[in-house]
Amino acid sequence: MRGPRMRVIVNGQSYELDAGTLLTDAARRIGIEPDARGLAFAVDGEVIPRDEVRRRELREGQRVEIVAAIQGG
């Protein structure tokens, strides 16, 4: 039997995830390796410190942005 589900928005796309899904698991769900260098994470507009990313649980309706720094010149 499946546990409770929730909806979150990740990079503008709506996803149905298990309640209590970690930020890192949400990143993997959209094909991003959360341990990659140069990534920044924000939840509801708040930047999440790198040392908190692995333990941050998401809640219903939250908006997540995951961005990668692009090097250029």
N, C-alpha and C. Protein backbone atom coordinates (compact mmCIF):
# COMPACT_ATOMS: atom_id res chain seq x y z
N MET A 1 0.84 -1.19 0.00
CA MET A 1 0.00 0.00 0.00
C MET A 1 0.88 1.25 0.00
N ARG A 2 0.46 2.21 -0.71
CA ARG A 2 1.20 3.45 -0.86
C ARG A 2 0.88 4.42 0.27
N GLY A 3 1.91 5.15 0.70
CA GLY A 3 1.72 6.14 1.75
C GLY A 3 1.15 7.44 1.19
N PRO A 4 1.04 8.45 2.04
CA PRO A 4 0.51 9.74 1.61
C PRO A 4 1.37 10.37 0.52
N ARG A 5 0.73 11.09 -0.36
CA ARG A 5 1.42 11.77 -1.47
C ARG A 5 1.27 13.28 -1.32
N MET A 6 2.11 14.01 -2.01
CA MET A 6 2.04 15.47 -1.99
C MET A 6 2.43 15.98 -3.36
N ARG A 7 2.05 17.22 -3.65
CA ARG A 7 2.44 17.89 -4.89
C ARG A 7 3.42 18.99 -4.56
N VAL A 8 4.52 19.02 -5.31
CA VAL A 8 5.48 20.12 -5.21
C VAL A 8 5.82 20.57 -6.62
N ILE A 9 6.30 21.78 -6.73
CA ILE A 9 6.72 22.34 -8.01
C ILE A 9 8.24 22.35 -8.00
N VAL A 10 8.85 21.69 -8.98
CA VAL A 10 10.31 21.64 -9.09
C VAL A 10 10.68 22.24 -10.44
N ASN A 11 11.41 23.35 -10.40
CA ASN A 11 11.82 24.06 -11.61
C ASN A 11 10.63 24.29 -12.55
N GLY A 12 9.51 24.72 -11.95
CA GLY A 12 8.34 25.09 -12.72
C GLY A 12 7.43 23.95 -13.13
N GLN A 13 7.77 22.73 -12.81
CA GLN A 13 6.99 21.55 -13.18
C GLN A 13 6.37 20.92 -11.93
N SER A 14 5.12 20.54 -12.00
CA SER A 14 4.44 19.91 -10.87
C SER A 14 4.76 18.42 -10.81
N TYR A 15 5.06 17.94 -9.60
CA TYR A 15 5.36 16.52 -9.38
C TYR A 15 4.58 16.02 -8.19
N GLU A 16 4.14 14.78 -8.27
CA GLU A 16 3.52 14.11 -7.14
C GLU A 16 4.58 13.21 -6.53
N LEU A 17 4.90 13.46 -5.26
CA LEU A 17 5.96 12.74 -4.56
C LEU A 17 5.41 12.16 -3.27
N ASP A 18 6.15 11.22 -2.70
CA ASP A 18 5.79 10.69 -1.39
C ASP A 18 5.95 11.79 -0.35
N ALA A 19 5.04 11.84 0.61
CA ALA A 19 5.15 12.80 1.70
C ALA A 19 6.50 12.59 2.39
N GLY A 20 7.18 13.69 2.71
CA GLY A 20 8.47 13.61 3.38
C GLY A 20 9.65 13.38 2.45
N THR A 21 9.43 13.48 1.14
CA THR A 21 10.53 13.33 0.18
C THR A 21 11.61 14.36 0.47
N LEU A 22 12.85 13.92 0.41
CA LEU A 22 13.98 14.83 0.63
C LEU A 22 14.26 15.64 -0.63
N LEU A 23 14.84 16.80 -0.44
CA LEU A 23 15.21 17.68 -1.55
C LEU A 23 16.11 16.95 -2.55
N THR A 24 17.05 16.16 -2.05
CA THR A 24 17.95 15.42 -2.94
C THR A 24 17.19 14.41 -3.80
N ASP A 25 16.17 13.77 -3.22
CA ASP A 25 15.37 12.80 -3.98
C ASP A 25 14.55 13.50 -5.06
N ALA A 26 14.05 14.68 -4.76
CA ALA A 26 13.30 15.45 -5.76
C ALA A 26 14.22 15.83 -6.92
N ALA A 27 15.47 16.18 -6.61
CA ALA A 27 16.42 16.52 -7.66
C ALA A 27 16.66 15.31 -8.56
N ARG A 28 16.87 14.16 -7.96
CA ARG A 28 17.08 12.94 -8.76
C ARG A 28 15.86 12.62 -9.61
N ARG A 29 14.69 12.89 -9.09
CA ARG A 29 13.45 12.61 -9.83
C ARG A 29 13.41 13.36 -11.15
N ILE A 30 14.01 14.55 -11.19
CA ILE A 30 14.01 15.31 -12.44
C ILE A 30 15.32 15.16 -13.21
N GLY A 31 16.16 14.21 -12.79
CA GLY A 31 17.37 13.91 -13.54
C GLY A 31 18.60 14.72 -13.17
N ILE A 32 18.59 15.33 -12.00
CA ILE A 32 19.74 16.12 -11.54
C ILE A 32 20.43 15.37 -10.41
N GLU A 33 21.73 15.19 -10.53
CA GLU A 33 22.50 14.56 -9.45
C GLU A 33 22.79 15.63 -8.41
N PRO A 34 22.19 15.53 -7.22
CA PRO A 34 22.29 16.61 -6.23
C PRO A 34 23.69 16.86 -5.69
N ASP A 35 24.60 15.91 -5.86
CA ASP A 35 25.96 16.11 -5.36
C ASP A 35 26.87 16.77 -6.40
N ALA A 36 26.34 17.07 -7.57
CA ALA A 36 27.14 17.70 -8.62
C ALA A 36 27.60 19.08 -8.15
N ARG A 37 28.77 19.47 -8.61
CA ARG A 37 29.30 20.79 -8.26
C ARG A 37 28.54 21.89 -8.97
N GLY A 38 28.48 23.04 -8.33
CA GLY A 38 27.90 24.22 -8.97
C GLY A 38 26.38 24.31 -8.91
N LEU A 39 25.74 23.49 -8.09
CA LEU A 39 24.29 23.56 -7.97
C LEU A 39 23.90 24.43 -6.78
N ALA A 40 22.77 25.10 -6.93
CA ALA A 40 22.17 25.85 -5.82
C ALA A 40 20.72 25.42 -5.71
N PHE A 41 20.23 25.33 -4.47
CA PHE A 41 18.88 24.88 -4.19
C PHE A 41 18.13 25.96 -3.43
N ALA A 42 16.88 26.18 -3.81
CA ALA A 42 16.02 27.12 -3.09
C ALA A 42 14.65 26.47 -2.91
N VAL A 43 14.06 26.69 -1.75
CA VAL A 43 12.71 26.21 -1.46
C VAL A 43 11.89 27.42 -1.04
N ASP A 44 10.81 27.66 -1.79
CA ASP A 44 9.95 28.82 -1.54
C ASP A 44 10.75 30.11 -1.45
N GLY A 45 11.75 30.24 -2.33
CA GLY A 45 12.55 31.46 -2.41
C GLY A 45 13.69 31.55 -1.42
N GLU A 46 13.83 30.59 -0.54
CA GLU A 46 14.91 30.59 0.46
C GLU A 46 16.04 29.68 -0.02
N VAL A 47 17.23 30.23 -0.17
CA VAL A 47 18.38 29.43 -0.55
C VAL A 47 18.73 28.48 0.59
N ILE A 48 18.92 27.22 0.23
CA ILE A 48 19.20 26.19 1.22
C ILE A 48 20.71 25.98 1.30
N PRO A 49 21.30 26.16 2.48
CA PRO A 49 22.74 25.94 2.61
C PRO A 49 23.11 24.51 2.20
N ARG A 50 24.25 24.36 1.59
CA ARG A 50 24.69 23.07 1.06
C ARG A 50 24.65 21.96 2.12
N ASP A 51 25.00 22.27 3.35
CA ASP A 51 25.02 21.24 4.39
C ASP A 51 23.61 20.82 4.85
N GLU A 52 22.57 21.55 4.42
CA GLU A 52 21.19 21.19 4.77
C GLU A 52 20.45 20.47 3.65
N VAL A 53 21.00 20.50 2.46
CA VAL A 53 20.31 19.95 1.29
C VAL A 53 19.95 18.48 1.48
N ARG A 54 20.86 17.69 2.03
CA ARG A 54 20.64 16.24 2.17
C ARG A 54 19.56 15.88 3.19
N ARG A 55 19.24 16.78 4.12
CA ARG A 55 18.26 16.42 5.15
C ARG A 55 16.97 17.25 5.06
N ARG A 56 16.86 18.10 4.05
CA ARG A 56 15.67 18.96 3.92
C ARG A 56 14.49 18.18 3.36
N GLU A 57 13.43 18.03 4.16
CA GLU A 57 12.20 17.38 3.71
C GLU A 57 11.29 18.41 3.08
N LEU A 58 10.64 17.99 2.01
CA LEU A 58 9.70 18.88 1.33
C LEU A 58 8.30 18.67 1.88
N ARG A 59 7.48 19.73 1.73
CA ARG A 59 6.08 19.68 2.19
C ARG A 59 5.16 20.04 1.02
N GLU A 60 3.93 19.65 1.18
CA GLU A 60 2.89 19.91 0.18
C GLU A 60 2.92 21.36 -0.30
N GLY A 61 2.91 21.53 -1.62
CA GLY A 61 2.78 22.85 -2.22
C GLY A 61 4.05 23.67 -2.31
N GLN A 62 5.16 23.16 -1.83
CA GLN A 62 6.39 23.96 -1.88
C GLN A 62 6.89 24.10 -3.31
N ARG A 63 7.62 25.19 -3.53
CA ARG A 63 8.22 25.47 -4.83
C ARG A 63 9.74 25.34 -4.68
N VAL A 64 10.31 24.48 -5.49
CA VAL A 64 11.74 24.19 -5.45
C VAL A 64 12.38 24.68 -6.73
N GLU A 65 13.50 25.34 -6.59
CA GLU A 65 14.31 25.73 -7.75
C GLU A 65 15.69 25.14 -7.57
N ILE A 66 16.16 24.48 -8.61
CA ILE A 66 17.52 23.92 -8.62
C ILE A 66 18.21 24.50 -9.84
N VAL A 67 19.27 25.24 -9.59
CA VAL A 67 19.98 25.90 -10.70
C VAL A 67 21.45 25.52 -10.68
N ALA A 68 22.01 25.49 -11.87
CA ALA A 68 23.43 25.16 -12.04
C ALA A 68 24.16 26.41 -12.50
N ALA A 69 25.30 26.65 -11.88
CA ALA A 69 26.16 27.74 -12.32
C ALA A 69 26.74 27.38 -13.68
N ILE A 70 26.74 28.35 -14.58
CA ILE A 70 27.29 28.12 -15.91
C ILE A 70 28.52 28.98 -16.06
N GLN A 71 29.60 28.32 -16.43
CA GLN A 71 30.86 29.03 -16.60
C GLN A 71 30.95 29.53 -18.03
N GLY A 72 31.40 30.73 -18.18
CA GLY A 72 31.51 31.30 -19.51
C GLY A 72 32.42 32.50 -19.50
N GLY A 73 32.51 33.09 -20.62
CA GLY A 73 33.38 34.23 -20.66
C GLY A 73 33.17 35.12 -21.81
